[in-house]
């Protein structure tokens, strides 16, 4: 094992020991509930709510959101299959944390839409940023707390989620810009055709 690998393994085991020292029977149900935000039964209601809220604000993101989130599922499966790293509880496919990846993508998109909004007050946007960060950190902590992932699994999910969210934002906005340019070109062409039709009768009469 390389020096980097040994350092990573040491950090994983040290973090696991520290987190496990905080375990309390009363805290277990809370952590299970928080972790559920990254499960299908937690994500699907969030996606439905997000589509409903976005439908009046941004139709393209309301349509894109379910497809983007479905892509996170495919992305994590490919990554888990390729790396095939065991979890702390010895279950397979630990890296990256799919829960963290999915939550980071969802929260990342919401943060982007909040930051680009001109109608939402700044105080509410800041509150949204804080809530999003708290959700991501809580889910990440819960995965280590429940011994479902190493710290490096969580870090991998976070990194991959940020990269995927940024790529998705660039793609959706580029497609929207291209579509908008195409629509403007069609309108301009229609205006030009209309101008020619208006002139023709004059020319004939002369």
N, C-alpha and C. Protein backbone atom coordinates (compact mmCIF):
# COMPACT_ATOMS: atom_id res chain seq x y z
N UNK A 1 0.85 -1.19 0.00
CA UNK A 1 0.00 0.00 0.00
C UNK A 1 0.89 1.25 0.00
N UNK A 2 0.54 2.26 -0.80
CA UNK A 2 1.32 3.47 -0.89
C UNK A 2 1.19 4.29 0.38
N UNK A 3 2.09 5.32 0.50
CA UNK A 3 2.03 6.20 1.68
C UNK A 3 0.71 6.93 1.75
N UNK A 4 0.21 7.36 0.59
CA UNK A 4 -1.09 8.05 0.56
C UNK A 4 -2.20 7.11 1.00
N UNK A 5 -2.14 5.86 0.53
CA UNK A 5 -3.14 4.88 0.92
C UNK A 5 -3.13 4.59 2.40
N UNK A 6 -1.91 4.51 2.97
CA UNK A 6 -1.81 4.26 4.41
C UNK A 6 -2.35 5.44 5.21
N UNK A 7 -2.05 6.66 4.76
CA UNK A 7 -2.56 7.85 5.45
C UNK A 7 -4.08 7.90 5.38
N UNK A 8 -4.62 7.57 4.19
CA UNK A 8 -6.07 7.58 4.02
C UNK A 8 -6.72 6.54 4.91
N UNK A 9 -6.14 5.34 4.95
CA UNK A 9 -6.68 4.29 5.80
C UNK A 9 -6.62 4.68 7.27
N UNK A 10 -5.52 5.30 7.67
CA UNK A 10 -5.39 5.74 9.06
C UNK A 10 -6.44 6.79 9.40
N UNK A 11 -6.66 7.73 8.48
CA UNK A 11 -7.67 8.77 8.70
C UNK A 11 -9.06 8.16 8.77
N UNK A 12 -9.34 7.19 7.90
CA UNK A 12 -10.64 6.51 7.92
C UNK A 12 -10.89 5.83 9.27
N UNK A 13 -9.91 5.09 9.73
CA UNK A 13 -10.08 4.35 10.99
C UNK A 13 -10.13 5.28 12.20
N UNK A 14 -9.35 6.36 12.15
CA UNK A 14 -9.39 7.32 13.26
C UNK A 14 -10.74 8.01 13.33
N UNK A 15 -11.24 8.42 12.17
CA UNK A 15 -12.55 9.08 12.13
C UNK A 15 -13.65 8.14 12.58
N UNK A 16 -13.56 6.89 12.15
CA UNK A 16 -14.56 5.92 12.56
C UNK A 16 -14.58 5.75 14.07
N UNK A 17 -13.40 5.68 14.66
CA UNK A 17 -13.32 5.52 16.11
C UNK A 17 -13.89 6.73 16.85
N UNK A 18 -13.59 7.92 16.35
CA UNK A 18 -14.10 9.14 16.98
C UNK A 18 -15.63 9.23 16.88
N UNK A 19 -16.13 8.92 15.70
CA UNK A 19 -17.60 8.99 15.51
C UNK A 19 -18.29 7.93 16.35
N UNK A 20 -17.74 6.74 16.40
CA UNK A 20 -18.37 5.68 17.17
C UNK A 20 -18.37 5.98 18.67
N UNK A 21 -17.42 6.82 19.11
CA UNK A 21 -17.40 7.21 20.52
C UNK A 21 -18.57 8.11 20.89
N UNK A 22 -19.24 8.68 19.87
CA UNK A 22 -20.40 9.56 20.12
C UNK A 22 -21.72 8.81 20.08
N UNK A 23 -21.68 7.51 19.82
CA UNK A 23 -22.93 6.76 19.64
C UNK A 23 -23.71 6.68 20.93
N UNK A 24 -25.00 6.95 20.80
CA UNK A 24 -25.95 6.84 21.90
C UNK A 24 -27.20 6.14 21.38
N UNK A 25 -27.80 5.27 22.17
CA UNK A 25 -29.00 4.56 21.70
C UNK A 25 -30.10 5.51 21.24
N UNK A 26 -30.25 6.64 21.93
CA UNK A 26 -31.30 7.59 21.56
C UNK A 26 -31.01 8.30 20.24
N UNK A 27 -29.74 8.35 19.85
CA UNK A 27 -29.35 9.05 18.63
C UNK A 27 -29.48 8.17 17.39
N UNK A 28 -29.51 6.87 17.58
CA UNK A 28 -29.57 5.96 16.43
C UNK A 28 -30.78 6.20 15.54
N UNK A 29 -32.02 6.31 16.07
CA UNK A 29 -33.17 6.55 15.19
C UNK A 29 -33.06 7.87 14.43
N UNK A 30 -32.48 8.87 15.06
CA UNK A 30 -32.30 10.17 14.40
C UNK A 30 -31.37 10.02 13.21
N UNK A 31 -30.26 9.31 13.40
CA UNK A 31 -29.30 9.12 12.32
C UNK A 31 -29.89 8.28 11.19
N UNK A 32 -30.69 7.30 11.55
CA UNK A 32 -31.35 6.49 10.52
C UNK A 32 -32.31 7.35 9.70
N UNK A 33 -33.04 8.23 10.40
CA UNK A 33 -33.96 9.12 9.71
C UNK A 33 -33.24 10.10 8.81
N UNK A 34 -32.15 10.68 9.29
CA UNK A 34 -31.37 11.62 8.48
C UNK A 34 -30.79 10.92 7.26
N UNK A 35 -30.26 9.72 7.48
CA UNK A 35 -29.68 8.95 6.38
C UNK A 35 -30.72 8.63 5.32
N UNK A 36 -31.99 8.53 5.74
CA UNK A 36 -33.06 8.22 4.80
C UNK A 36 -33.27 9.27 3.74
N UNK A 37 -32.74 10.49 3.96
CA UNK A 37 -32.86 11.52 2.94
C UNK A 37 -32.12 11.14 1.66
N UNK A 38 -31.14 10.25 1.79
CA UNK A 38 -30.40 9.80 0.62
C UNK A 38 -30.94 8.54 0.00
N UNK A 39 -31.98 7.96 0.62
CA UNK A 39 -32.63 6.76 0.07
C UNK A 39 -33.70 7.17 -0.93
N UNK A 40 -34.17 6.21 -1.73
CA UNK A 40 -35.22 6.50 -2.71
C UNK A 40 -36.48 7.05 -2.04
N UNK A 41 -36.83 6.49 -0.88
CA UNK A 41 -38.06 6.94 -0.22
C UNK A 41 -37.91 8.35 0.35
N UNK A 42 -36.68 8.82 0.49
CA UNK A 42 -36.46 10.20 0.93
C UNK A 42 -36.26 11.14 -0.23
N UNK A 43 -35.57 10.68 -1.28
CA UNK A 43 -35.27 11.54 -2.42
C UNK A 43 -36.48 11.78 -3.31
N UNK A 44 -37.30 10.76 -3.52
CA UNK A 44 -38.43 10.92 -4.44
C UNK A 44 -39.39 12.01 -3.99
N UNK A 45 -39.81 12.07 -2.72
CA UNK A 45 -40.65 13.19 -2.29
C UNK A 45 -39.96 14.54 -2.46
N UNK A 46 -38.65 14.61 -2.22
CA UNK A 46 -37.93 15.86 -2.41
C UNK A 46 -37.92 16.27 -3.88
N UNK A 47 -37.74 15.31 -4.76
CA UNK A 47 -37.74 15.61 -6.20
C UNK A 47 -39.12 16.09 -6.64
N UNK A 48 -40.17 15.41 -6.19
CA UNK A 48 -41.54 15.82 -6.54
C UNK A 48 -41.82 17.23 -6.04
N UNK A 49 -41.41 17.50 -4.81
CA UNK A 49 -41.60 18.84 -4.25
C UNK A 49 -40.80 19.87 -5.05
N UNK A 50 -39.57 19.52 -5.42
CA UNK A 50 -38.75 20.43 -6.20
C UNK A 50 -39.36 20.75 -7.56
N UNK A 51 -39.89 19.72 -8.23
CA UNK A 51 -40.54 19.94 -9.53
C UNK A 51 -41.75 20.85 -9.38
N UNK A 52 -42.53 20.62 -8.34
CA UNK A 52 -43.73 21.43 -8.11
C UNK A 52 -43.38 22.90 -7.87
N UNK A 53 -42.33 23.14 -7.09
CA UNK A 53 -41.92 24.51 -6.79
C UNK A 53 -41.31 25.18 -8.02
N UNK A 54 -40.52 24.42 -8.79
CA UNK A 54 -39.82 24.99 -9.93
C UNK A 54 -40.71 25.21 -11.15
N UNK A 55 -41.86 24.57 -11.17
CA UNK A 55 -42.68 24.61 -12.39
C UNK A 55 -43.05 26.03 -12.80
N UNK A 56 -43.31 26.89 -11.83
CA UNK A 56 -43.65 28.28 -12.14
C UNK A 56 -42.42 29.17 -12.28
N UNK A 57 -41.32 28.75 -11.68
CA UNK A 57 -40.12 29.58 -11.68
C UNK A 57 -39.22 29.30 -12.87
N UNK A 58 -39.01 28.02 -13.17
CA UNK A 58 -38.10 27.63 -14.24
C UNK A 58 -38.54 26.28 -14.79
N UNK A 59 -39.27 26.31 -15.89
CA UNK A 59 -39.80 25.07 -16.46
C UNK A 59 -38.68 24.12 -16.87
N UNK A 60 -37.59 24.68 -17.40
CA UNK A 60 -36.53 23.78 -17.88
C UNK A 60 -35.91 22.99 -16.73
N UNK A 61 -35.76 23.62 -15.55
CA UNK A 61 -35.20 22.90 -14.42
C UNK A 61 -36.24 21.98 -13.78
N UNK A 62 -37.50 22.33 -13.87
CA UNK A 62 -38.55 21.44 -13.37
C UNK A 62 -38.56 20.14 -14.17
N UNK A 63 -38.32 20.25 -15.48
CA UNK A 63 -38.27 19.07 -16.34
C UNK A 63 -36.95 18.33 -16.16
N UNK A 64 -35.85 19.09 -16.00
CA UNK A 64 -34.53 18.47 -15.94
C UNK A 64 -34.26 17.77 -14.62
N UNK A 65 -34.84 18.26 -13.52
CA UNK A 65 -34.51 17.74 -12.20
C UNK A 65 -34.66 16.22 -12.07
N UNK A 66 -35.79 15.61 -12.47
CA UNK A 66 -35.89 14.14 -12.34
C UNK A 66 -34.83 13.40 -13.14
N UNK A 67 -34.50 13.90 -14.33
CA UNK A 67 -33.49 13.23 -15.15
C UNK A 67 -32.10 13.37 -14.54
N UNK A 68 -31.82 14.55 -13.99
CA UNK A 68 -30.53 14.76 -13.34
C UNK A 68 -30.36 13.83 -12.15
N UNK A 69 -31.41 13.71 -11.34
CA UNK A 69 -31.33 12.86 -10.16
C UNK A 69 -31.27 11.38 -10.54
N UNK A 70 -31.93 11.02 -11.62
CA UNK A 70 -31.82 9.63 -12.10
C UNK A 70 -30.38 9.34 -12.54
N UNK A 71 -29.73 10.36 -13.10
CA UNK A 71 -28.35 10.21 -13.51
C UNK A 71 -27.41 9.95 -12.34
N UNK A 72 -27.74 10.49 -11.17
CA UNK A 72 -26.89 10.23 -10.00
C UNK A 72 -26.92 8.75 -9.64
N UNK A 73 -28.08 8.13 -9.81
CA UNK A 73 -28.18 6.70 -9.53
C UNK A 73 -27.28 5.88 -10.44
N UNK A 74 -27.31 6.21 -11.73
CA UNK A 74 -26.46 5.50 -12.69
C UNK A 74 -24.98 5.77 -12.41
N UNK A 75 -24.67 7.02 -12.07
CA UNK A 75 -23.28 7.40 -11.81
C UNK A 75 -22.70 6.65 -10.62
N UNK A 76 -23.46 6.57 -9.54
CA UNK A 76 -22.94 5.89 -8.35
C UNK A 76 -22.81 4.39 -8.57
N UNK A 77 -23.72 3.81 -9.33
CA UNK A 77 -23.62 2.37 -9.61
C UNK A 77 -22.35 2.06 -10.41
N UNK A 78 -22.06 2.89 -11.41
CA UNK A 78 -20.86 2.67 -12.22
C UNK A 78 -19.61 2.83 -11.36
N UNK A 79 -19.59 3.87 -10.52
CA UNK A 79 -18.42 4.11 -9.67
C UNK A 79 -18.24 2.99 -8.65
N UNK A 80 -19.32 2.56 -8.03
CA UNK A 80 -19.23 1.49 -7.04
C UNK A 80 -18.76 0.19 -7.69
N UNK A 81 -19.28 -0.10 -8.88
CA UNK A 81 -18.88 -1.32 -9.58
C UNK A 81 -17.41 -1.27 -9.97
N UNK A 82 -16.95 -0.10 -10.42
CA UNK A 82 -15.57 0.03 -10.89
C UNK A 82 -14.58 -0.09 -9.74
N UNK A 83 -14.90 0.48 -8.57
CA UNK A 83 -13.96 0.51 -7.45
C UNK A 83 -14.15 -0.69 -6.53
N UNK A 84 -15.39 -1.06 -6.29
CA UNK A 84 -15.72 -2.27 -5.52
C UNK A 84 -14.98 -2.31 -4.18
N UNK A 85 -15.18 -1.30 -3.38
CA UNK A 85 -14.51 -1.21 -2.08
C UNK A 85 -15.47 -1.60 -0.97
N UNK A 86 -15.06 -2.44 -0.02
CA UNK A 86 -15.97 -2.83 1.06
C UNK A 86 -16.22 -1.69 2.05
N UNK A 87 -17.36 -1.77 2.70
CA UNK A 87 -17.76 -0.79 3.71
C UNK A 87 -17.15 -1.18 5.06
N UNK A 88 -17.27 -0.28 6.05
CA UNK A 88 -16.79 -0.63 7.39
C UNK A 88 -17.47 -1.86 7.98
N UNK A 89 -18.74 -2.10 7.59
CA UNK A 89 -19.45 -3.27 8.09
C UNK A 89 -19.24 -4.49 7.19
N UNK A 90 -18.27 -4.37 6.27
CA UNK A 90 -17.86 -5.44 5.37
C UNK A 90 -18.85 -5.71 4.24
N UNK A 91 -19.90 -4.91 4.11
CA UNK A 91 -20.78 -5.02 2.96
C UNK A 91 -20.05 -4.48 1.72
N UNK A 92 -20.44 -4.92 0.53
CA UNK A 92 -19.72 -4.49 -0.68
C UNK A 92 -20.14 -3.09 -1.13
N UNK A 93 -19.39 -2.60 -2.12
CA UNK A 93 -19.71 -1.35 -2.82
C UNK A 93 -19.83 -0.15 -1.87
N UNK A 94 -18.73 0.17 -1.23
CA UNK A 94 -18.74 1.29 -0.29
C UNK A 94 -18.41 2.63 -0.91
N UNK A 95 -17.51 2.64 -1.90
CA UNK A 95 -17.05 3.90 -2.48
C UNK A 95 -17.67 4.12 -3.86
N UNK A 96 -18.23 5.33 -4.10
CA UNK A 96 -18.43 6.45 -3.16
C UNK A 96 -19.75 6.30 -2.42
N UNK A 97 -20.01 7.17 -1.46
CA UNK A 97 -21.29 7.16 -0.76
C UNK A 97 -22.38 7.67 -1.69
N UNK A 98 -23.29 6.80 -2.07
CA UNK A 98 -24.38 7.20 -2.95
C UNK A 98 -25.34 8.17 -2.29
N UNK A 99 -25.54 8.01 -0.98
CA UNK A 99 -26.41 8.93 -0.25
C UNK A 99 -25.87 10.36 -0.32
N UNK A 100 -24.59 10.50 -0.03
CA UNK A 100 -23.97 11.83 -0.05
C UNK A 100 -23.96 12.39 -1.47
N UNK A 101 -23.63 11.56 -2.45
CA UNK A 101 -23.61 12.01 -3.83
C UNK A 101 -24.97 12.57 -4.24
N UNK A 102 -26.03 11.82 -3.97
CA UNK A 102 -27.38 12.24 -4.36
C UNK A 102 -27.81 13.53 -3.67
N UNK A 103 -27.56 13.61 -2.37
CA UNK A 103 -27.96 14.79 -1.61
C UNK A 103 -27.16 16.01 -2.06
N UNK A 104 -25.87 15.83 -2.33
CA UNK A 104 -25.03 16.95 -2.79
C UNK A 104 -25.55 17.47 -4.13
N UNK A 105 -25.91 16.59 -5.04
CA UNK A 105 -26.43 17.02 -6.34
C UNK A 105 -27.74 17.78 -6.17
N UNK A 106 -28.65 17.23 -5.38
CA UNK A 106 -29.95 17.88 -5.19
C UNK A 106 -29.78 19.25 -4.53
N UNK A 107 -29.04 19.28 -3.44
CA UNK A 107 -28.82 20.55 -2.73
C UNK A 107 -28.04 21.52 -3.60
N UNK A 108 -27.06 21.01 -4.35
CA UNK A 108 -26.27 21.87 -5.22
C UNK A 108 -27.12 22.57 -6.27
N UNK A 109 -28.06 21.84 -6.86
CA UNK A 109 -28.95 22.45 -7.84
C UNK A 109 -29.85 23.51 -7.20
N UNK A 110 -30.35 23.21 -6.01
CA UNK A 110 -31.20 24.18 -5.32
C UNK A 110 -30.41 25.43 -4.97
N UNK A 111 -29.19 25.26 -4.50
CA UNK A 111 -28.34 26.41 -4.16
C UNK A 111 -28.06 27.25 -5.41
N UNK A 112 -27.79 26.59 -6.53
CA UNK A 112 -27.56 27.32 -7.77
C UNK A 112 -28.79 28.13 -8.18
N UNK A 113 -29.96 27.52 -8.10
CA UNK A 113 -31.18 28.22 -8.49
C UNK A 113 -31.49 29.36 -7.53
N UNK A 114 -31.20 29.17 -6.25
CA UNK A 114 -31.39 30.25 -5.29
C UNK A 114 -30.45 31.42 -5.59
N UNK A 115 -29.20 31.10 -5.89
CA UNK A 115 -28.21 32.15 -6.13
C UNK A 115 -28.50 32.93 -7.40
N UNK A 116 -29.15 32.29 -8.38
CA UNK A 116 -29.45 32.96 -9.65
C UNK A 116 -30.82 33.64 -9.65
N UNK A 117 -31.57 33.50 -8.57
CA UNK A 117 -32.90 34.11 -8.49
C UNK A 117 -32.79 35.60 -8.16
N UNK A 118 -33.64 36.38 -8.80
CA UNK A 118 -33.69 37.82 -8.53
C UNK A 118 -34.95 38.21 -7.75
N UNK A 119 -35.81 37.24 -7.47
CA UNK A 119 -37.07 37.53 -6.78
C UNK A 119 -37.04 37.11 -5.31
N UNK A 120 -36.13 36.20 -4.95
CA UNK A 120 -36.06 35.72 -3.57
C UNK A 120 -35.16 36.66 -2.77
N UNK A 121 -35.62 37.15 -1.62
CA UNK A 121 -34.78 38.06 -0.80
C UNK A 121 -33.47 37.40 -0.39
N UNK A 122 -32.46 38.23 -0.20
CA UNK A 122 -31.13 37.72 0.14
C UNK A 122 -31.13 36.94 1.45
N UNK A 123 -31.93 37.40 2.41
CA UNK A 123 -31.97 36.72 3.69
C UNK A 123 -32.50 35.29 3.54
N UNK A 124 -33.50 35.11 2.69
CA UNK A 124 -34.04 33.77 2.47
C UNK A 124 -33.06 32.90 1.69
N UNK A 125 -32.34 33.51 0.80
CA UNK A 125 -31.33 32.74 0.06
C UNK A 125 -30.24 32.25 1.00
N UNK A 126 -29.80 33.11 1.89
CA UNK A 126 -28.79 32.70 2.86
C UNK A 126 -29.30 31.59 3.77
N UNK A 127 -30.57 31.69 4.14
CA UNK A 127 -31.17 30.63 4.94
C UNK A 127 -31.19 29.32 4.17
N UNK A 128 -31.49 29.41 2.88
CA UNK A 128 -31.48 28.22 2.04
C UNK A 128 -30.10 27.60 1.93
N UNK A 129 -29.07 28.45 1.81
CA UNK A 129 -27.70 27.94 1.74
C UNK A 129 -27.34 27.20 3.03
N UNK A 130 -27.70 27.82 4.17
CA UNK A 130 -27.37 27.22 5.46
C UNK A 130 -28.09 25.89 5.65
N UNK A 131 -29.37 25.85 5.27
CA UNK A 131 -30.13 24.60 5.40
C UNK A 131 -29.56 23.51 4.50
N UNK A 132 -29.18 23.89 3.29
CA UNK A 132 -28.59 22.92 2.37
C UNK A 132 -27.28 22.35 2.90
N UNK A 133 -26.43 23.23 3.43
CA UNK A 133 -25.15 22.76 3.99
C UNK A 133 -25.39 21.85 5.19
N UNK A 134 -26.37 22.20 6.02
CA UNK A 134 -26.68 21.39 7.21
C UNK A 134 -27.17 20.00 6.81
N UNK A 135 -27.97 19.93 5.76
CA UNK A 135 -28.50 18.64 5.30
C UNK A 135 -27.37 17.76 4.79
N UNK A 136 -26.48 18.33 3.99
CA UNK A 136 -25.36 17.55 3.44
C UNK A 136 -24.47 17.04 4.57
N UNK A 137 -24.13 17.90 5.50
CA UNK A 137 -23.26 17.49 6.61
C UNK A 137 -23.93 16.44 7.49
N UNK A 138 -25.23 16.61 7.72
CA UNK A 138 -25.95 15.64 8.56
C UNK A 138 -25.99 14.27 7.92
N UNK A 139 -26.28 14.22 6.61
CA UNK A 139 -26.32 12.94 5.90
C UNK A 139 -24.93 12.30 5.88
N UNK A 140 -23.91 13.11 5.63
CA UNK A 140 -22.54 12.59 5.61
C UNK A 140 -22.16 12.00 6.96
N UNK A 141 -22.48 12.72 8.03
CA UNK A 141 -22.15 12.23 9.37
C UNK A 141 -22.92 10.95 9.68
N UNK A 142 -24.18 10.90 9.27
CA UNK A 142 -25.01 9.72 9.56
C UNK A 142 -24.46 8.47 8.90
N UNK A 143 -23.87 8.61 7.70
CA UNK A 143 -23.35 7.44 7.01
C UNK A 143 -22.13 6.86 7.72
N UNK A 144 -21.30 7.74 8.28
CA UNK A 144 -20.16 7.27 9.06
C UNK A 144 -20.64 6.74 10.41
N UNK A 145 -21.59 7.44 11.01
CA UNK A 145 -22.13 7.04 12.31
C UNK A 145 -22.74 5.64 12.25
N UNK A 146 -23.47 5.36 11.19
CA UNK A 146 -24.13 4.05 11.03
C UNK A 146 -23.19 2.98 10.50
N UNK A 147 -21.92 3.32 10.33
CA UNK A 147 -20.90 2.40 9.83
C UNK A 147 -21.22 1.86 8.44
N UNK A 148 -21.86 2.70 7.66
CA UNK A 148 -22.15 2.33 6.28
C UNK A 148 -21.05 2.79 5.33
N UNK A 149 -20.24 3.77 5.77
CA UNK A 149 -19.18 4.29 4.91
C UNK A 149 -17.99 4.76 5.73
N UNK A 150 -16.82 4.73 5.07
CA UNK A 150 -15.64 5.37 5.59
C UNK A 150 -15.70 6.86 5.27
N UNK A 151 -14.87 7.63 5.94
CA UNK A 151 -14.80 9.06 5.66
C UNK A 151 -14.43 9.31 4.20
N UNK A 152 -13.50 8.51 3.67
CA UNK A 152 -13.10 8.68 2.27
C UNK A 152 -14.24 8.36 1.31
N UNK A 153 -15.14 7.45 1.68
CA UNK A 153 -16.32 7.18 0.87
C UNK A 153 -17.21 8.42 0.79
N UNK A 154 -17.37 9.05 1.95
CA UNK A 154 -18.19 10.26 2.03
C UNK A 154 -17.54 11.38 1.21
N UNK A 155 -16.21 11.53 1.35
CA UNK A 155 -15.51 12.55 0.59
C UNK A 155 -15.62 12.30 -0.91
N UNK A 156 -15.55 11.03 -1.30
CA UNK A 156 -15.69 10.69 -2.71
C UNK A 156 -17.07 11.02 -3.23
N UNK A 157 -18.09 10.73 -2.43
CA UNK A 157 -19.46 11.06 -2.84
C UNK A 157 -19.65 12.56 -2.98
N UNK A 158 -19.07 13.32 -2.05
CA UNK A 158 -19.17 14.78 -2.11
C UNK A 158 -18.48 15.32 -3.36
N UNK A 159 -17.26 14.86 -3.61
CA UNK A 159 -16.49 15.35 -4.75
C UNK A 159 -17.17 15.01 -6.07
N UNK A 160 -17.61 13.77 -6.19
CA UNK A 160 -18.27 13.33 -7.42
C UNK A 160 -19.60 14.06 -7.60
N UNK A 161 -20.30 14.30 -6.49
CA UNK A 161 -21.57 15.01 -6.57
C UNK A 161 -21.40 16.45 -7.03
N UNK A 162 -20.39 17.13 -6.49
CA UNK A 162 -20.13 18.52 -6.91
C UNK A 162 -19.76 18.57 -8.39
N UNK A 163 -18.89 17.66 -8.83
CA UNK A 163 -18.48 17.64 -10.23
C UNK A 163 -19.67 17.37 -11.15
N UNK A 164 -20.50 16.42 -10.77
CA UNK A 164 -21.67 16.07 -11.59
C UNK A 164 -22.67 17.22 -11.62
N UNK A 165 -22.91 17.86 -10.48
CA UNK A 165 -23.84 18.98 -10.42
C UNK A 165 -23.37 20.14 -11.29
N UNK A 166 -22.07 20.47 -11.22
CA UNK A 166 -21.54 21.56 -12.04
C UNK A 166 -21.65 21.24 -13.53
N UNK A 167 -21.33 20.00 -13.89
CA UNK A 167 -21.43 19.60 -15.30
C UNK A 167 -22.88 19.67 -15.78
N UNK A 168 -23.81 19.26 -14.93
CA UNK A 168 -25.22 19.29 -15.29
C UNK A 168 -25.72 20.73 -15.47
N UNK A 169 -25.33 21.60 -14.56
CA UNK A 169 -25.74 23.01 -14.65
C UNK A 169 -25.22 23.61 -15.96
N UNK A 170 -23.96 23.37 -16.28
CA UNK A 170 -23.40 23.90 -17.52
C UNK A 170 -24.13 23.36 -18.74
N UNK A 171 -24.46 22.06 -18.73
CA UNK A 171 -25.13 21.44 -19.87
C UNK A 171 -26.54 21.99 -20.04
N UNK A 172 -27.31 22.04 -18.96
CA UNK A 172 -28.71 22.51 -19.05
C UNK A 172 -28.75 23.97 -19.48
N UNK A 173 -27.88 24.80 -18.91
CA UNK A 173 -27.89 26.21 -19.26
C UNK A 173 -27.41 26.42 -20.70
N UNK A 174 -26.43 25.63 -21.14
CA UNK A 174 -25.95 25.75 -22.52
C UNK A 174 -27.05 25.36 -23.51
N UNK A 175 -27.78 24.30 -23.21
CA UNK A 175 -28.88 23.88 -24.08
C UNK A 175 -29.98 24.94 -24.11
N UNK A 176 -30.26 25.53 -22.93
CA UNK A 176 -31.29 26.58 -22.87
C UNK A 176 -30.85 27.80 -23.68
N UNK A 177 -29.58 28.16 -23.57
CA UNK A 177 -29.06 29.32 -24.32
C UNK A 177 -29.10 29.05 -25.82
N UNK A 178 -28.75 27.84 -26.19
CA UNK A 178 -28.77 27.49 -27.61
C UNK A 178 -30.20 27.49 -28.15
N UNK A 179 -31.12 26.98 -27.34
CA UNK A 179 -32.52 26.97 -27.76
C UNK A 179 -33.06 28.39 -27.87
N UNK A 180 -32.65 29.24 -26.90
CA UNK A 180 -33.09 30.63 -26.95
C UNK A 180 -32.55 31.35 -28.17
N UNK A 181 -31.28 31.08 -28.53
CA UNK A 181 -30.70 31.69 -29.72
C UNK A 181 -31.42 31.22 -30.97
N UNK A 182 -31.80 29.93 -30.99
CA UNK A 182 -32.53 29.40 -32.14
C UNK A 182 -33.90 30.04 -32.27
N UNK A 183 -34.57 30.26 -31.14
CA UNK A 183 -35.89 30.88 -31.16
C UNK A 183 -35.80 32.32 -31.64
N UNK A 184 -34.75 33.05 -31.20
CA UNK A 184 -34.56 34.43 -31.63
C UNK A 184 -34.29 34.50 -33.13
N UNK A 185 -33.54 33.52 -33.63
CA UNK A 185 -33.24 33.49 -35.05
C UNK A 185 -34.51 33.25 -35.87
N UNK A 186 -35.38 32.38 -35.37
CA UNK A 186 -36.64 32.10 -36.05
C UNK A 186 -37.54 33.33 -36.06
N UNK A 187 -37.56 34.05 -34.92
CA UNK A 187 -38.37 35.26 -34.83
C UNK A 187 -37.84 36.31 -35.79
N UNK A 188 -36.50 36.45 -35.85
CA UNK A 188 -35.88 37.42 -36.75
C UNK A 188 -36.19 37.08 -38.20
N UNK A 189 -36.12 35.77 -38.53
CA UNK A 189 -36.42 35.34 -39.88
C UNK A 189 -37.86 35.64 -40.23
N UNK A 190 -38.78 35.40 -39.27
CA UNK A 190 -40.19 35.70 -39.50
C UNK A 190 -40.40 37.19 -39.71
N UNK A 191 -39.69 38.01 -38.94
CA UNK A 191 -39.80 39.46 -39.09
C UNK A 191 -39.29 39.89 -40.46
N UNK A 192 -38.18 39.30 -40.90
CA UNK A 192 -37.62 39.63 -42.21
C UNK A 192 -38.58 39.25 -43.32
N UNK A 193 -39.20 38.08 -43.21
CA UNK A 193 -40.18 37.65 -44.21
C UNK A 193 -41.36 38.58 -44.24
N UNK A 194 -41.79 39.01 -43.06
CA UNK A 194 -42.92 39.93 -42.99
C UNK A 194 -42.60 41.25 -43.64
N UNK A 195 -41.38 41.73 -43.47
CA UNK A 195 -40.97 43.00 -44.06
C UNK A 195 -40.99 42.91 -45.58
N UNK A 196 -40.55 41.80 -46.14
CA UNK A 196 -40.54 41.62 -47.58
C UNK A 196 -41.95 41.60 -48.12
N UNK A 197 -42.86 40.93 -47.42
CA UNK A 197 -44.23 40.85 -47.87
C UNK A 197 -44.90 42.21 -47.84
N UNK A 198 -44.51 43.03 -46.88
CA UNK A 198 -45.10 44.36 -46.79
C UNK A 198 -44.63 45.25 -47.93
N UNK A 199 -43.44 45.02 -48.43
CA UNK A 199 -42.87 45.89 -49.45
C UNK A 199 -43.35 45.53 -50.83
N UNK A 200 -43.58 44.19 -51.06
CA UNK A 200 -43.92 43.72 -52.39
C UNK A 200 -45.10 44.44 -53.01
N UNK A 201 -46.24 44.62 -52.27
CA UNK A 201 -47.36 45.31 -52.90
C UNK A 201 -47.01 46.70 -53.37
N UNK A 202 -46.16 47.40 -52.63
CA UNK A 202 -45.75 48.74 -53.02
C UNK A 202 -44.99 48.73 -54.33
N UNK A 203 -44.10 47.76 -54.41
CA UNK A 203 -43.28 47.63 -55.62
C UNK A 203 -44.16 47.36 -56.81
N UNK A 204 -45.16 46.48 -56.65
CA UNK A 204 -46.06 46.13 -57.75
C UNK A 204 -46.85 47.33 -58.20
N UNK A 205 -47.31 48.12 -57.23
CA UNK A 205 -48.15 49.26 -57.55
C UNK A 205 -47.34 50.32 -58.31
N UNK A 206 -46.07 50.43 -58.00
CA UNK A 206 -45.24 51.39 -58.71
C UNK A 206 -45.03 50.92 -60.16
